[in-house]
Amino acid sequence: NMQVSFLSPPFGPAAFYLKSVAPPDITLATIFRSL
């Protein structure tokens, strides 16, 4: 169940970790939609 929490919006930590190193054109909205 916690696996889901790492990816689920609005505060999924995995999305924020990736955003910190992703190319500038990849937005948080794009990441959450991809998940």
PDB file of all heavy atoms in Angstrom:
ATOM      1  N   ASN A   1       0.833  -1.209   0.000  1.00  0.00           N
ATOM      2  CA  ASN A   1       0.000   0.000   0.000  1.00  0.00           C
ATOM      3  C   ASN A   1       0.867   1.258   0.000  1.00  0.00           C
ATOM      4  O   ASN A   1       0.562   2.243  -0.681  1.00  0.00           O
ATOM      5  CB  ASN A   1      -0.914  -0.017   1.240  1.00  0.00           C
ATOM      6  CG  ASN A   1      -2.119   0.892   1.082  1.00  0.00           C
ATOM      7  OD1 ASN A   1      -1.989   2.031   0.681  1.00  0.00           O
ATOM      8  ND2 ASN A   1      -3.293   0.381   1.413  1.00  0.00           N
ATOM      9  N   MET A   2       1.979   1.206   0.737  1.00  0.00           N
ATOM     10  CA  MET A   2       2.891   2.359   0.777  1.00  0.00           C
ATOM     11  C   MET A   2       3.577   2.594  -0.573  1.00  0.00           C
ATOM     12  O   MET A   2       3.987   3.693  -0.888  1.00  0.00           O
ATOM     13  CB  MET A   2       3.934   2.195   1.884  1.00  0.00           C
ATOM     14  CG  MET A   2       3.392   2.338   3.301  1.00  0.00           C
ATOM     15  SD  MET A   2       2.576   3.939   3.616  1.00  0.00           S
ATOM     16  CE  MET A   2       0.845   3.528   3.428  1.00  0.00           C
ATOM     17  N   GLN A   3       3.696   1.523  -1.375  1.00  0.00           N
ATOM     18  CA  GLN A   3       4.198   1.671  -2.753  1.00  0.00           C
ATOM     19  C   GLN A   3       3.345   2.705  -3.490  1.00  0.00           C
ATOM     20  O   GLN A   3       3.865   3.569  -4.187  1.00  0.00           O
ATOM     21  CB  GLN A   3       4.055   0.332  -3.504  1.00  0.00           C
ATOM     22  CG  GLN A   3       5.138  -0.668  -3.257  1.00  0.00           C
ATOM     23  CD  GLN A   3       6.372  -0.385  -4.075  1.00  0.00           C
ATOM     24  OE1 GLN A   3       6.313  -0.172  -5.272  1.00  0.00           O
ATOM     25  NE2 GLN A   3       7.502  -0.370  -3.418  1.00  0.00           N
ATOM     26  N   VAL A   4       2.021   2.587  -3.317  1.00  0.00           N
ATOM     27  CA  VAL A   4       1.089   3.507  -3.981  1.00  0.00           C
ATOM     28  C   VAL A   4       1.337   4.929  -3.472  1.00  0.00           C
ATOM     29  O   VAL A   4       1.351   5.882  -4.249  1.00  0.00           O
ATOM     30  CB  VAL A   4      -0.387   3.091  -3.738  1.00  0.00           C
ATOM     31  CG1 VAL A   4      -1.336   3.977  -4.520  1.00  0.00           C
ATOM     32  CG2 VAL A   4      -0.611   1.620  -4.092  1.00  0.00           C
ATOM     33  N   SER A   5       1.558   5.066  -2.147  1.00  0.00           N
ATOM     34  CA  SER A   5       1.720   6.408  -1.556  1.00  0.00           C
ATOM     35  C   SER A   5       2.958   7.121  -2.108  1.00  0.00           C
ATOM     36  O   SER A   5       2.995   8.342  -2.169  1.00  0.00           O
ATOM     37  CB  SER A   5       1.798   6.314  -0.031  1.00  0.00           C
ATOM     38  OG  SER A   5       3.087   5.924   0.391  1.00  0.00           O
ATOM     39  N   PHE A   6       3.992   6.353  -2.514  1.00  0.00           N
ATOM     40  CA  PHE A   6       5.203   6.981  -3.052  1.00  0.00           C
ATOM     41  C   PHE A   6       4.949   7.628  -4.414  1.00  0.00           C
ATOM     42  O   PHE A   6       5.666   8.529  -4.816  1.00  0.00           O
ATOM     43  CB  PHE A   6       6.328   5.951  -3.165  1.00  0.00           C
ATOM     44  CG  PHE A   6       7.053   5.708  -1.874  1.00  0.00           C
ATOM     45  CD1 PHE A   6       7.010   4.483  -1.252  1.00  0.00           C
ATOM     46  CD2 PHE A   6       7.769   6.729  -1.267  1.00  0.00           C
ATOM     47  CE1 PHE A   6       7.664   4.264  -0.051  1.00  0.00           C
ATOM     48  CE2 PHE A   6       8.435   6.527  -0.066  1.00  0.00           C
ATOM     49  CZ  PHE A   6       8.375   5.296   0.545  1.00  0.00           C
ATOM     50  N   LEU A   7       3.930   7.130  -5.124  1.00  0.00           N
ATOM     51  CA  LEU A   7       3.668   7.648  -6.473  1.00  0.00           C
ATOM     52  C   LEU A   7       2.434   8.539  -6.551  1.00  0.00           C
ATOM     53  O   LEU A   7       2.292   9.315  -7.488  1.00  0.00           O
ATOM     54  CB  LEU A   7       3.472   6.477  -7.457  1.00  0.00           C
ATOM     55  CG  LEU A   7       4.570   5.415  -7.575  1.00  0.00           C
ATOM     56  CD1 LEU A   7       4.295   4.513  -8.768  1.00  0.00           C
ATOM     57  CD2 LEU A   7       5.958   6.020  -7.717  1.00  0.00           C
ATOM     58  N   SER A   8       1.509   8.426  -5.573  1.00  0.00           N
ATOM     59  CA  SER A   8       0.198   9.068  -5.726  1.00  0.00           C
ATOM     60  C   SER A   8       0.251  10.577  -5.489  1.00  0.00           C
ATOM     61  O   SER A   8       0.931  11.035  -4.567  1.00  0.00           O
ATOM     62  CB  SER A   8      -0.833   8.424  -4.801  1.00  0.00           C
ATOM     63  OG  SER A   8      -0.405   8.528  -3.461  1.00  0.00           O
ATOM     64  N   PRO A   9      -0.464  11.359  -6.336  1.00  0.00           N
ATOM     65  CA  PRO A   9      -0.548  12.797  -6.120  1.00  0.00           C
ATOM     66  C   PRO A   9      -1.383  13.071  -4.864  1.00  0.00           C
ATOM     67  O   PRO A   9      -2.138  12.206  -4.460  1.00  0.00           O
ATOM     68  CB  PRO A   9      -1.267  13.291  -7.387  1.00  0.00           C
ATOM     69  CG  PRO A   9      -1.918  12.089  -7.987  1.00  0.00           C
ATOM     70  CD  PRO A   9      -1.175  10.887  -7.498  1.00  0.00           C
ATOM     71  N   PRO A  10      -1.290  14.240  -4.220  1.00  0.00           N
ATOM     72  CA  PRO A  10      -0.493  15.398  -4.643  1.00  0.00           C
ATOM     73  C   PRO A  10       0.941  15.417  -4.094  1.00  0.00           C
ATOM     74  O   PRO A  10       1.730  16.257  -4.484  1.00  0.00           O
ATOM     75  CB  PRO A  10      -1.287  16.567  -4.056  1.00  0.00           C
ATOM     76  CG  PRO A  10      -1.922  15.993  -2.821  1.00  0.00           C
ATOM     77  CD  PRO A  10      -2.192  14.545  -3.104  1.00  0.00           C
ATOM     78  N   PHE A  11       1.276  14.500  -3.129  1.00  0.00           N
ATOM     79  CA  PHE A  11       2.587  14.606  -2.480  1.00  0.00           C
ATOM     80  C   PHE A  11       3.464  13.376  -2.690  1.00  0.00           C
ATOM     81  O   PHE A  11       4.345  13.104  -1.876  1.00  0.00           O
ATOM     82  CB  PHE A  11       2.421  14.870  -0.968  1.00  0.00           C
ATOM     83  CG  PHE A  11       1.701  16.144  -0.643  1.00  0.00           C
ATOM     84  CD1 PHE A  11       0.502  16.124   0.061  1.00  0.00           C
ATOM     85  CD2 PHE A  11       2.196  17.363  -1.071  1.00  0.00           C
ATOM     86  CE1 PHE A  11      -0.173  17.299   0.351  1.00  0.00           C
ATOM     87  CE2 PHE A  11       1.525  18.540  -0.778  1.00  0.00           C
ATOM     88  CZ  PHE A  11       0.336  18.517  -0.073  1.00  0.00           C
ATOM     89  N   GLY A  12       3.240  12.607  -3.765  1.00  0.00           N
ATOM     90  CA  GLY A  12       4.040  11.398  -4.010  1.00  0.00           C
ATOM     91  C   GLY A  12       5.528  11.723  -4.038  1.00  0.00           C
ATOM     92  O   GLY A  12       5.991  12.415  -4.959  1.00  0.00           O
ATOM     93  N   PRO A  13       6.318  11.277  -3.035  1.00  0.00           N
ATOM     94  CA  PRO A  13       7.726  11.688  -2.966  1.00  0.00           C
ATOM     95  C   PRO A  13       8.546  11.284  -4.181  1.00  0.00           C
ATOM     96  O   PRO A  13       9.452  12.022  -4.585  1.00  0.00           O
ATOM     97  CB  PRO A  13       8.258  10.997  -1.702  1.00  0.00           C
ATOM     98  CG  PRO A  13       7.187  10.114  -1.196  1.00  0.00           C
ATOM     99  CD  PRO A  13       5.925  10.406  -1.917  1.00  0.00           C
ATOM    100  N   ALA A  14       8.239  10.127  -4.800  1.00  0.00           N
ATOM    101  CA  ALA A  14       9.024   9.671  -5.960  1.00  0.00           C
ATOM    102  C   ALA A  14       8.991  10.721  -7.084  1.00  0.00           C
ATOM    103  O   ALA A  14       9.999  10.953  -7.755  1.00  0.00           O
ATOM    104  CB  ALA A  14       8.500   8.329  -6.465  1.00  0.00           C
ATOM    105  N   ALA A  15       7.823  11.355  -7.269  1.00  0.00           N
ATOM    106  CA  ALA A  15       7.677  12.374  -8.322  1.00  0.00           C
ATOM    107  C   ALA A  15       8.578  13.576  -8.035  1.00  0.00           C
ATOM    108  O   ALA A  15       9.224  14.114  -8.938  1.00  0.00           O
ATOM    109  CB  ALA A  15       6.216  12.818  -8.415  1.00  0.00           C
ATOM    110  N   PHE A  16       8.662  13.974  -6.760  1.00  0.00           N
ATOM    111  CA  PHE A  16       9.481  15.132  -6.392  1.00  0.00           C
ATOM    112  C   PHE A  16      10.975  14.806  -6.494  1.00  0.00           C
ATOM    113  O   PHE A  16      11.767  15.657  -6.894  1.00  0.00           O
ATOM    114  CB  PHE A  16       9.112  15.619  -4.988  1.00  0.00           C
ATOM    115  CG  PHE A  16       7.760  16.284  -4.944  1.00  0.00           C
ATOM    116  CD1 PHE A  16       6.609  15.558  -4.647  1.00  0.00           C
ATOM    117  CD2 PHE A  16       7.629  17.634  -5.233  1.00  0.00           C
ATOM    118  CE1 PHE A  16       5.362  16.163  -4.630  1.00  0.00           C
ATOM    119  CE2 PHE A  16       6.387  18.262  -5.206  1.00  0.00           C
ATOM    120  CZ  PHE A  16       5.242  17.520  -4.911  1.00  0.00           C
ATOM    121  N   TYR A  17      11.329  13.558  -6.115  1.00  0.00           N
ATOM    122  CA  TYR A  17      12.741  13.141  -6.262  1.00  0.00           C
ATOM    123  C   TYR A  17      13.151  13.213  -7.730  1.00  0.00           C
ATOM    124  O   TYR A  17      14.231  13.688  -8.061  1.00  0.00           O
ATOM    125  CB  TYR A  17      12.935  11.706  -5.753  1.00  0.00           C
ATOM    126  CG  TYR A  17      12.866  11.534  -4.253  1.00  0.00           C
ATOM    127  CD1 TYR A  17      12.123  10.500  -3.686  1.00  0.00           C
ATOM    128  CD2 TYR A  17      13.560  12.385  -3.402  1.00  0.00           C
ATOM    129  CE1 TYR A  17      12.055  10.332  -2.303  1.00  0.00           C
ATOM    130  CE2 TYR A  17      13.504  12.224  -2.029  1.00  0.00           C
ATOM    131  CZ  TYR A  17      12.750  11.205  -1.487  1.00  0.00           C
ATOM    132  OH  TYR A  17      12.690  11.033  -0.129  1.00  0.00           O
ATOM    133  N   LEU A  18      12.281  12.709  -8.620  1.00  0.00           N
ATOM    134  CA  LEU A  18      12.619  12.694 -10.046  1.00  0.00           C
ATOM    135  C   LEU A  18      12.662  14.121 -10.605  1.00  0.00           C
ATOM    136  O   LEU A  18      13.549  14.448 -11.393  1.00  0.00           O
ATOM    137  CB  LEU A  18      11.614  11.838 -10.838  1.00  0.00           C
ATOM    138  CG  LEU A  18      11.927  11.721 -12.333  1.00  0.00           C
ATOM    139  CD1 LEU A  18      13.271  11.030 -12.565  1.00  0.00           C
ATOM    140  CD2 LEU A  18      10.839  10.970 -13.077  1.00  0.00           C
ATOM    141  N   LYS A  19      11.720  14.958 -10.169  1.00  0.00           N
ATOM    142  CA  LYS A  19      11.657  16.339 -10.670  1.00  0.00           C
ATOM    143  C   LYS A  19      12.976  17.070 -10.380  1.00  0.00           C
ATOM    144  O   LYS A  19      13.425  17.906 -11.172  1.00  0.00           O
ATOM    145  CB  LYS A  19      10.482  17.062 -10.003  1.00  0.00           C
ATOM    146  CG  LYS A  19      10.323  18.525 -10.428  1.00  0.00           C
ATOM    147  CD  LYS A  19       9.915  18.662 -11.886  1.00  0.00           C
ATOM    148  CE  LYS A  19       9.882  20.108 -12.333  1.00  0.00           C
ATOM    149  NZ  LYS A  19      10.808  20.416 -13.389  1.00  0.00           N
ATOM    150  N   SER A  20      13.629  16.716  -9.256  1.00  0.00           N
ATOM    151  CA  SER A  20      14.873  17.402  -8.875  1.00  0.00           C
ATOM    152  C   SER A  20      16.017  17.128  -9.852  1.00  0.00           C
ATOM    153  O   SER A  20      16.977  17.899  -9.911  1.00  0.00           O
ATOM    154  CB  SER A  20      15.286  17.001  -7.456  1.00  0.00           C
ATOM    155  OG  SER A  20      15.656  15.627  -7.424  1.00  0.00           O
ATOM    156  N   VAL A  21      15.930  16.026 -10.634  1.00  0.00           N
ATOM    157  CA  VAL A  21      17.019  15.702 -11.575  1.00  0.00           C
ATOM    158  C   VAL A  21      16.546  15.580 -13.028  1.00  0.00           C
ATOM    159  O   VAL A  21      17.351  15.339 -13.926  1.00  0.00           O
ATOM    160  CB  VAL A  21      17.729  14.378 -11.168  1.00  0.00           C
ATOM    161  CG1 VAL A  21      18.469  14.547  -9.854  1.00  0.00           C
ATOM    162  CG2 VAL A  21      16.758  13.206 -11.087  1.00  0.00           C
ATOM    163  N   ALA A  22      15.236  15.759 -13.268  1.00  0.00           N
ATOM    164  CA  ALA A  22      14.685  15.595 -14.629  1.00  0.00           C
ATOM    165  C   ALA A  22      14.968  16.833 -15.479  1.00  0.00           C
ATOM    166  O   ALA A  22      15.197  17.921 -14.936  1.00  0.00           O
ATOM    167  CB  ALA A  22      13.181  15.354 -14.547  1.00  0.00           C
ATOM    168  N   PRO A  23      14.959  16.691 -16.821  1.00  0.00           N
ATOM    169  CA  PRO A  23      15.115  17.861 -17.693  1.00  0.00           C
ATOM    170  C   PRO A  23      14.036  18.911 -17.405  1.00  0.00           C
ATOM    171  O   PRO A  23      12.932  18.556 -16.979  1.00  0.00           O
ATOM    172  CB  PRO A  23      14.923  17.271 -19.101  1.00  0.00           C
ATOM    173  CG  PRO A  23      15.239  15.819 -18.957  1.00  0.00           C
ATOM    174  CD  PRO A  23      14.827  15.434 -17.572  1.00  0.00           C
ATOM    175  N   PRO A  24      14.332  20.196 -17.635  1.00  0.00           N
ATOM    176  CA  PRO A  24      13.391  21.285 -17.275  1.00  0.00           C
ATOM    177  C   PRO A  24      12.016  21.167 -17.930  1.00  0.00           C
ATOM    178  O   PRO A  24      11.021  21.638 -17.373  1.00  0.00           O
ATOM    179  CB  PRO A  24      14.109  22.551 -17.767  1.00  0.00           C
ATOM    180  CG  PRO A  24      15.533  22.157 -17.956  1.00  0.00           C
ATOM    181  CD  PRO A  24      15.566  20.695 -18.221  1.00  0.00           C
ATOM    182  N   ASP A  25      11.947  20.539 -19.147  1.00  0.00           N
ATOM    183  CA  ASP A  25      10.655  20.472 -19.849  1.00  0.00           C
ATOM    184  C   ASP A  25       9.707  19.431 -19.235  1.00  0.00           C
ATOM    185  O   ASP A  25       8.534  19.380 -19.591  1.00  0.00           O
ATOM    186  CB  ASP A  25      10.862  20.168 -21.344  1.00  0.00           C
ATOM    187  CG  ASP A  25      11.566  18.833 -21.560  1.00  0.00           C
ATOM    188  OD1 ASP A  25      12.590  18.608 -20.884  1.00  0.00           O
ATOM    189  OD2 ASP A  25      11.088  18.030 -22.387  1.00  0.00           O
ATOM    190  N   ILE A  26      10.204  18.601 -18.308  1.00  0.00           N
ATOM    191  CA  ILE A  26       9.340  17.601 -17.656  1.00  0.00           C
ATOM    192  C   ILE A  26       8.786  18.219 -16.375  1.00  0.00           C
ATOM    193  O   ILE A  26       9.498  18.449 -15.402  1.00  0.00           O
ATOM    194  CB  ILE A  26      10.119  16.290 -17.359  1.00  0.00           C
ATOM    195  CG1 ILE A  26      10.498  15.609 -18.679  1.00  0.00           C
ATOM    196  CG2 ILE A  26       9.302  15.350 -16.488  1.00  0.00           C
ATOM    197  CD1 ILE A  26      11.331  14.353 -18.529  1.00  0.00           C
ATOM    198  N   THR A  27       7.468  18.497 -16.384  1.00  0.00           N
ATOM    199  CA  THR A  27       6.826  19.153 -15.240  1.00  0.00           C
ATOM    200  C   THR A  27       6.314  18.099 -14.252  1.00  0.00           C
ATOM    201  O   THR A  27       6.228  16.909 -14.582  1.00  0.00           O
ATOM    202  CB  THR A  27       5.636  20.005 -15.705  1.00  0.00           C
ATOM    203  OG1 THR A  27       4.665  19.122 -16.323  1.00  0.00           O
ATOM    204  CG2 THR A  27       6.062  21.058 -16.711  1.00  0.00           C
ATOM    205  N   LEU A  28       5.948  18.562 -13.061  1.00  0.00           N
ATOM    206  CA  LEU A  28       5.371  17.653 -12.054  1.00  0.00           C
ATOM    207  C   LEU A  28       4.066  17.045 -12.565  1.00  0.00           C
ATOM    208  O   LEU A  28       3.781  15.873 -12.319  1.00  0.00           O
ATOM    209  CB  LEU A  28       5.106  18.412 -10.745  1.00  0.00           C
ATOM    210  CG  LEU A  28       6.165  18.301  -9.653  1.00  0.00           C
ATOM    211  CD1 LEU A  28       5.769  19.143  -8.458  1.00  0.00           C
ATOM    212  CD2 LEU A  28       6.402  16.854  -9.232  1.00  0.00           C
ATOM    213  N   ALA A  29       3.277  17.856 -13.284  1.00  0.00           N
ATOM    214  CA  ALA A  29       2.006  17.353 -13.833  1.00  0.00           C
ATOM    215  C   ALA A  29       2.269  16.202 -14.806  1.00  0.00           C
ATOM    216  O   ALA A  29       1.563  15.182 -14.794  1.00  0.00           O
ATOM    217  CB  ALA A  29       1.263  18.484 -14.542  1.00  0.00           C
ATOM    218  N   THR A  30       3.308  16.331 -15.645  1.00  0.00           N
ATOM    219  CA  THR A  30       3.688  15.270 -16.595  1.00  0.00           C
ATOM    220  C   THR A  30       4.087  14.009 -15.836  1.00  0.00           C
ATOM    221  O   THR A  30       3.696  12.891 -16.200  1.00  0.00           O
ATOM    222  CB  THR A  30       4.872  15.733 -17.479  1.00  0.00           C
ATOM    223  OG1 THR A  30       4.534  16.969 -18.082  1.00  0.00           O
ATOM    224  CG2 THR A  30       5.212  14.703 -18.548  1.00  0.00           C
ATOM    225  N   ILE A  31       4.878  14.193 -14.752  1.00  0.00           N
ATOM    226  CA  ILE A  31       5.344  13.039 -13.970  1.00  0.00           C
ATOM    227  C   ILE A  31       4.153  12.304 -13.358  1.00  0.00           C
ATOM    228  O   ILE A  31       4.036  11.083 -13.479  1.00  0.00           O
ATOM    229  CB  ILE A  31       6.350  13.477 -12.880  1.00  0.00           C
ATOM    230  CG1 ILE A  31       7.632  14.025 -13.533  1.00  0.00           C
ATOM    231  CG2 ILE A  31       6.698  12.318 -11.952  1.00  0.00           C
ATOM    232  CD1 ILE A  31       8.621  14.662 -12.565  1.00  0.00           C
ATOM    233  N   PHE A  32       3.251  13.050 -12.703  1.00  0.00           N
ATOM    234  CA  PHE A  32       2.102  12.396 -12.057  1.00  0.00           C
ATOM    235  C   PHE A  32       1.200  11.698 -13.074  1.00  0.00           C
ATOM    236  O   PHE A  32       0.678  10.607 -12.820  1.00  0.00           O
ATOM    237  CB  PHE A  32       1.302  13.403 -11.222  1.00  0.00           C
ATOM    238  CG  PHE A  32       1.892  13.667  -9.863  1.00  0.00           C
ATOM    239  CD1 PHE A  32       2.210  14.952  -9.443  1.00  0.00           C
ATOM    240  CD2 PHE A  32       2.138  12.614  -8.984  1.00  0.00           C
ATOM    241  CE1 PHE A  32       2.762  15.183  -8.193  1.00  0.00           C
ATOM    242  CE2 PHE A  32       2.696  12.833  -7.724  1.00  0.00           C
ATOM    243  CZ  PHE A  32       3.003  14.114  -7.328  1.00  0.00           C
ATOM    244  N   ARG A  33       1.043  12.318 -14.266  1.00  0.00           N
ATOM    245  CA  ARG A  33       0.225  11.684 -15.319  1.00  0.00           C
ATOM    246  C   ARG A  33       0.887  10.387 -15.784  1.00  0.00           C
ATOM    247  O   ARG A  33       0.212   9.397 -16.037  1.00  0.00           O
ATOM    248  CB  ARG A  33       0.047  12.667 -16.478  1.00  0.00           C
ATOM    249  CG  ARG A  33      -1.072  12.279 -17.439  1.00  0.00           C
ATOM    250  CD  ARG A  33      -1.566  13.428 -18.286  1.00  0.00           C
ATOM    251  NE  ARG A  33      -0.517  14.060 -19.079  1.00  0.00           N
ATOM    252  CZ  ARG A  33      -0.073  15.293 -18.886  1.00  0.00           C
ATOM    253  NH1 ARG A  33      -0.565  16.042 -17.917  1.00  0.00           N
ATOM    254  NH2 ARG A  33       0.869  15.812 -19.646  1.00  0.00           N
ATOM    255  N   SER A  34       2.207  10.384 -15.850  1.00  0.00           N
ATOM    256  CA  SER A  34       2.948   9.193 -16.287  1.00  0.00           C
ATOM    257  C   SER A  34       2.829   8.044 -15.292  1.00  0.00           C
ATOM    258  O   SER A  34       3.016   6.880 -15.645  1.00  0.00           O
ATOM    259  CB  SER A  34       4.430   9.533 -16.470  1.00  0.00           C
ATOM    260  OG  SER A  34       4.585  10.668 -17.284  1.00  0.00           O
ATOM    261  N   LEU A  35       2.574   8.390 -14.029  1.00  0.00           N
ATOM    262  CA  LEU A  35       2.572   7.375 -12.966  1.00  0.00           C
ATOM    263  C   LEU A  35       1.240   6.638 -12.839  1.00  0.00           C
ATOM    264  O   LEU A  35       1.178   5.601 -12.171  1.00  0.00           O
ATOM    265  CB  LEU A  35       2.916   8.030 -11.615  1.00  0.00           C
ATOM    266  CG  LEU A  35       4.329   8.609 -11.496  1.00  0.00           C
ATOM    267  CD1 LEU A  35       4.526   9.262 -10.142  1.00  0.00           C
ATOM    268  CD2 LEU A  35       5.379   7.533 -11.714  1.00  0.00           C
TER     269      LEU A  35
END
